[in-house]
PDB file of N, CA and C in Angstrom:
ATOM      1  N   MET A   1       6.377 -31.248 -28.287  1.00  0.00           N
ATOM      2  CA  MET A   1       6.781 -30.030 -27.414  1.00  0.00           C
ATOM      3  C   MET A   1       6.128 -28.783 -27.446  1.00  0.00           C
ATOM      4  N   PHE A   2       6.245 -27.896 -26.544  1.00  0.00           N
ATOM      5  CA  PHE A   2       5.597 -26.633 -26.296  1.00  0.00           C
ATOM      6  C   PHE A   2       6.157 -25.533 -27.195  1.00  0.00           C
ATOM      7  N   SER A   3       5.155 -24.859 -27.609  1.00  0.00           N
ATOM      8  CA  SER A   3       5.236 -23.719 -28.449  1.00  0.00           C
ATOM      9  C   SER A   3       5.858 -22.619 -27.849  1.00  0.00           C
ATOM     10  N   ALA A   4       6.811 -21.673 -28.169  1.00  0.00           N
ATOM     11  CA  ALA A   4       7.209 -20.686 -27.524  1.00  0.00           C
ATOM     12  C   ALA A   4       6.522 -19.926 -26.990  1.00  0.00           C
ATOM     13  N   SER A   5       5.316 -19.456 -27.801  1.00  0.00           N
ATOM     14  CA  SER A   5       4.362 -18.372 -27.256  1.00  0.00           C
ATOM     15  C   SER A   5       3.664 -18.942 -25.810  1.00  0.00           C
ATOM     16  N   SER A   6       3.376 -20.296 -25.773  1.00  0.00           N
ATOM     17  CA  SER A   6       2.751 -20.955 -24.847  1.00  0.00           C
ATOM     18  C   SER A   6       3.540 -20.814 -23.366  1.00  0.00           C
ATOM     19  N   VAL A   7       5.063 -20.981 -23.678  1.00  0.00           N
ATOM     20  CA  VAL A   7       5.947 -21.008 -22.626  1.00  0.00           C
ATOM     21  C   VAL A   7       6.027 -19.784 -22.253  1.00  0.00           C
ATOM     22  N   VAL A   8       6.081 -18.563 -23.057  1.00  0.00           N
ATOM     23  CA  VAL A   8       6.159 -17.395 -22.495  1.00  0.00           C
ATOM     24  C   VAL A   8       4.958 -16.772 -21.724  1.00  0.00           C
ATOM     25  N   ARG A   9       3.609 -17.246 -22.380  1.00  0.00           N
ATOM     26  CA  ARG A   9       2.497 -16.638 -21.570  1.00  0.00           C
ATOM     27  C   ARG A   9       2.432 -17.521 -20.081  1.00  0.00           C
ATOM     28  N   PHE A  10       3.208 -18.720 -20.156  1.00  0.00           N
ATOM     29  CA  PHE A  10       3.181 -19.518 -18.994  1.00  0.00           C
ATOM     30  C   PHE A  10       3.908 -18.888 -17.936  1.00  0.00           C
ATOM     31  N   PHE A  11       5.174 -18.196 -18.380  1.00  0.00           N
ATOM     32  CA  PHE A  11       6.039 -17.610 -17.588  1.00  0.00           C
ATOM     33  C   PHE A  11       5.177 -16.327 -17.026  1.00  0.00           C
ATOM     34  N   PHE A  12       4.772 -15.614 -17.881  1.00  0.00           N
ATOM     35  CA  PHE A  12       4.264 -14.258 -17.686  1.00  0.00           C
ATOM     36  C   PHE A  12       3.116 -14.447 -16.561  1.00  0.00           C
ATOM     37  N   THR A  13       2.291 -15.250 -16.832  1.00  0.00           N
ATOM     38  CA  THR A  13       1.221 -15.844 -15.992  1.00  0.00           C
ATOM     39  C   THR A  13       1.647 -16.280 -14.494  1.00  0.00           C
ATOM     40  N   TYR A  14       2.822 -16.976 -14.584  1.00  0.00           N
ATOM     41  CA  TYR A  14       3.376 -17.329 -13.280  1.00  0.00           C
ATOM     42  C   TYR A  14       4.104 -16.268 -12.437  1.00  0.00           C
ATOM     43  N   ALA A  15       4.498 -15.528 -12.917  1.00  0.00           N
ATOM     44  CA  ALA A  15       5.265 -14.149 -12.544  1.00  0.00           C
ATOM     45  C   ALA A  15       4.275 -13.287 -11.908  1.00  0.00           C
ATOM     46  N   ARG A  16       3.004 -13.200 -12.544  1.00  0.00           N
ATOM     47  CA  ARG A  16       1.980 -12.130 -12.200  1.00  0.00           C
ATOM     48  C   ARG A  16       1.388 -12.662 -10.947  1.00  0.00           C
ATOM     49  N   CYS A  17       1.246 -14.148 -10.921  1.00  0.00           N
ATOM     50  CA  CYS A  17       0.794 -14.840  -9.878  1.00  0.00           C
ATOM     51  C   CYS A  17       1.507 -14.542  -8.576  1.00  0.00           C
ATOM     52  N   LEU A  18       2.899 -14.536  -8.866  1.00  0.00           N
ATOM     53  CA  LEU A  18       3.980 -14.738  -7.778  1.00  0.00           C
ATOM     54  C   LEU A  18       4.001 -13.231  -7.181  1.00  0.00           C
ATOM     55  N   ASP A  19       3.898 -11.985  -7.996  1.00  0.00           N
ATOM     56  CA  ASP A  19       3.573 -10.705  -7.657  1.00  0.00           C
ATOM     57  C   ASP A  19       2.511 -10.640  -6.935  1.00  0.00           C
ATOM     58  N   LEU A  20       1.102 -11.109  -7.323  1.00  0.00           N
ATOM     59  CA  LEU A  20       0.099 -10.696  -6.500  1.00  0.00           C
ATOM     60  C   LEU A  20       0.355 -11.484  -5.200  1.00  0.00           C
ATOM     61  N   GLN A  21       1.012 -12.617  -5.067  1.00  0.00           N
ATOM     62  CA  GLN A  21       1.027 -13.178  -3.606  1.00  0.00           C
ATOM     63  C   GLN A  21       2.059 -12.206  -2.773  1.00  0.00           C
ATOM     64  N   LEU A  22       2.970 -11.694  -3.619  1.00  0.00           N
ATOM     65  CA  LEU A  22       3.962 -11.020  -2.621  1.00  0.00           C
ATOM     66  C   LEU A  22       3.293  -9.918  -2.033  1.00  0.00           C
ATOM     67  N   GLU A  23       2.441  -9.197  -3.113  1.00  0.00           N
ATOM     68  CA  GLU A  23       1.737  -7.959  -2.555  1.00  0.00           C
ATOM     69  C   GLU A  23       0.871  -8.351  -1.377  1.00  0.00           C
ATOM     70  N   LEU A  24       0.074  -9.274  -1.509  1.00  0.00           N
ATOM     71  CA  LEU A  24      -0.797  -9.759  -0.454  1.00  0.00           C
ATOM     72  C   LEU A  24       0.059  -9.771   1.001  1.00  0.00           C
ATOM     73  N   THR A  25       1.297 -10.179   0.755  1.00  0.00           N
ATOM     74  CA  THR A  25       2.077 -10.838   1.856  1.00  0.00           C
ATOM     75  C   THR A  25       2.504  -9.543   2.690  1.00  0.00           C
ATOM     76  N   ASN A  26       2.796  -8.639   1.764  1.00  0.00           N
ATOM     77  CA  ASN A  26       3.418  -7.122   2.082  1.00  0.00           C
ATOM     78  C   ASN A  26       2.260  -6.478   2.920  1.00  0.00           C
ATOM     79  N   ARG A  27       1.146  -6.573   2.074  1.00  0.00           N
ATOM     80  CA  ARG A  27      -0.162  -5.810   2.812  1.00  0.00           C
ATOM     81  C   ARG A  27      -0.153  -6.390   4.166  1.00  0.00           C
ATOM     82  N   LYS A  28      -0.326  -7.883   4.606  1.00  0.00           N
ATOM     83  CA  LYS A  28      -0.573  -8.442   5.774  1.00  0.00           C
ATOM     84  C   LYS A  28       0.459  -8.158   6.719  1.00  0.00           C
ATOM     85  N   GLY A  29       1.595  -7.808   5.957  1.00  0.00           N
ATOM     86  CA  GLY A  29       2.739  -7.510   7.126  1.00  0.00           C
ATOM     87  C   GLY A  29       3.068  -6.010   7.477  1.00  0.00           C
ATOM     88  N   ARG A  30       2.425  -5.098   6.579  1.00  0.00           N
ATOM     89  CA  ARG A  30       2.170  -3.711   6.972  1.00  0.00           C
ATOM     90  C   ARG A  30       1.089  -3.676   8.082  1.00  0.00           C
ATOM     91  N   LYS A  31      -0.078  -4.185   7.912  1.00  0.00           N
ATOM     92  CA  LYS A  31      -1.220  -4.477   8.607  1.00  0.00           C
ATOM     93  C   LYS A  31      -0.713  -4.582  10.011  1.00  0.00           C
ATOM     94  N   GLY A  32      -0.164  -5.998   9.864  1.00  0.00           N
ATOM     95  CA  GLY A  32       0.226  -6.447  11.552  1.00  0.00           C
ATOM     96  C   GLY A  32       0.875  -5.680  12.113  1.00  0.00           C
ATOM     97  N   ARG A  33       2.081  -4.761  11.551  1.00  0.00           N
ATOM     98  CA  ARG A  33       3.214  -4.069  12.040  1.00  0.00           C
ATOM     99  C   ARG A  33       2.527  -2.807  12.627  1.00  0.00           C
ATOM    100  N   LYS A  34       1.436  -2.320  11.797  1.00  0.00           N
ATOM    101  CA  LYS A  34       0.738  -1.395  12.403  1.00  0.00           C
ATOM    102  C   LYS A  34       0.100  -1.569  13.347  1.00  0.00           C
ATOM    103  N   GLU A  35      -0.915  -2.688  13.584  1.00  0.00           N
ATOM    104  CA  GLU A  35      -1.428  -2.939  14.735  1.00  0.00           C
ATOM    105  C   GLU A  35      -0.872  -3.231  16.132  1.00  0.00           C
ATOM    106  N   ARG A  36       0.544  -3.857  15.575  1.00  0.00           N
ATOM    107  CA  ARG A  36       1.326  -4.081  16.933  1.00  0.00           C
ATOM    108  C   ARG A  36       2.008  -2.700  17.453  1.00  0.00           C
ATOM    109  N   GLU A  37       2.415  -1.979  16.541  1.00  0.00           N
ATOM    110  CA  GLU A  37       2.740  -0.423  16.995  1.00  0.00           C
ATOM    111  C   GLU A  37       1.774   0.244  17.810  1.00  0.00           C
ATOM    112  N   GLU A  38       0.295   0.206  17.397  1.00  0.00           N
ATOM    113  CA  GLU A  38      -0.644   0.840  18.221  1.00  0.00           C
ATOM    114  C   GLU A  38      -1.004  -0.049  19.469  1.00  0.00           C
ATOM    115  N   ARG A  39      -0.765  -1.231  19.424  1.00  0.00           N
ATOM    116  CA  ARG A  39      -0.887  -1.866  20.935  1.00  0.00           C
ATOM    117  C   ARG A  39       0.034  -1.485  21.931  1.00  0.00           C
ATOM    118  N   GLU A  40       1.326  -1.357  21.133  1.00  0.00           N
ATOM    119  CA  GLU A  40       2.624  -1.235  22.032  1.00  0.00           C
ATOM    120  C   GLU A  40       2.150   0.383  22.768  1.00  0.00           C
ATOM    121  N   GLU A  41       1.895   1.037  21.859  1.00  0.00           N
ATOM    122  CA  GLU A  41       1.872   2.563  22.076  1.00  0.00           C
ATOM    123  C   GLU A  41       0.790   2.747  23.220  1.00  0.00           C
ATOM    124  N   ARG A  42      -0.463   2.022  23.382  1.00  0.00           N
ATOM    125  CA  ARG A  42      -1.450   1.782  23.979  1.00  0.00           C
ATOM    126  C   ARG A  42      -1.082   1.334  25.432  1.00  0.00           C
ATOM    127  N   GLU A  43      -0.333   0.057  25.397  1.00  0.00           N
ATOM    128  CA  GLU A  43       0.027  -0.370  26.424  1.00  0.00           C
ATOM    129  C   GLU A  43       1.054   0.367  27.229  1.00  0.00           C
ATOM    130  N   GLU A  44       1.766   1.312  26.712  1.00  0.00           N
ATOM    131  CA  GLU A  44       3.135   2.239  27.403  1.00  0.00           C
ATOM    132  C   GLU A  44       2.214   3.285  27.777  1.00  0.00           C
ATOM    133  N   ARG A  45       1.287   3.688  27.383  1.00  0.00           N
ATOM    134  CA  ARG A  45       0.306   5.004  27.901  1.00  0.00           C
ATOM    135  C   ARG A  45      -0.593   4.442  29.224  1.00  0.00           C
ATOM    136  N   GLU A  46      -1.004   3.413  29.287  1.00  0.00           N
ATOM    137  CA  GLU A  46      -1.555   2.669  30.058  1.00  0.00           C
ATOM    138  C   GLU A  46      -0.678   2.394  31.341  1.00  0.00           C
ATOM    139  N   GLU A  47       0.548   2.030  30.987  1.00  0.00           N
ATOM    140  CA  GLU A  47       1.454   2.060  32.235  1.00  0.00           C
ATOM    141  C   GLU A  47       1.775   3.037  32.888  1.00  0.00           C
ATOM    142  N   ARG A  48       2.023   4.452  31.905  1.00  0.00           N
ATOM    143  CA  ARG A  48       2.320   5.750  32.493  1.00  0.00           C
ATOM    144  C   ARG A  48       1.154   6.035  33.132  1.00  0.00           C
ATOM    145  N   GLU A  49      -0.051   5.928  32.709  1.00  0.00           N
ATOM    146  CA  GLU A  49      -1.329   6.110  33.759  1.00  0.00           C
ATOM    147  C   GLU A  49      -1.147   5.799  34.859  1.00  0.00           C
ATOM    148  N   GLY A  50      -1.028   4.453  34.848  1.00  0.00           N
ATOM    149  CA  GLY A  50      -0.984   3.483  35.897  1.00  0.00           C
ATOM    150  C   GLY A  50       0.095   3.908  37.177  1.00  0.00           C
ATOM    151  N   ARG A  51       1.169   4.129  36.518  1.00  0.00           N
ATOM    152  CA  ARG A  51       2.171   5.010  37.312  1.00  0.00           C
ATOM    153  C   ARG A  51       1.677   6.193  38.136  1.00  0.00           C
ATOM    154  N   GLU A  52       1.245   6.936  37.306  1.00  0.00           N
ATOM    155  CA  GLU A  52       0.444   8.509  37.706  1.00  0.00           C
ATOM    156  C   GLU A  52      -0.301   8.232  39.038  1.00  0.00           C
ATOM    157  N   ASP A  53      -1.107   7.203  38.813  1.00  0.00           N
ATOM    158  CA  ASP A  53      -2.026   7.072  39.978  1.00  0.00           C
ATOM    159  C   ASP A  53      -1.263   6.542  41.288  1.00  0.00           C
ATOM    160  N   ASP A  54      -0.404   5.786  41.170  1.00  0.00           N
ATOM    161  CA  ASP A  54       0.445   5.260  42.332  1.00  0.00           C
ATOM    162  C   ASP A  54       0.913   6.656  43.260  1.00  0.00           C
ATOM    163  N   TYR A  55       1.138   7.583  42.425  1.00  0.00           N
ATOM    164  CA  TYR A  55       1.790   8.681  43.128  1.00  0.00           C
ATOM    165  C   TYR A  55       0.705   9.475  43.902  1.00  0.00           C
TER     166      TYR A  55
END
């Protein structure tokens, strides 16, 4: 059988691995959202400028 300390060490290692994975995923999500917001703002600004040219 496994010793208690090796089981505990495994769970802590696994939990830390999951935590790092989650942190990376969150960071990607924030970056993607920020880029998307900037792109949407730029598109809106271009649309407004385009409409002003029509007048």
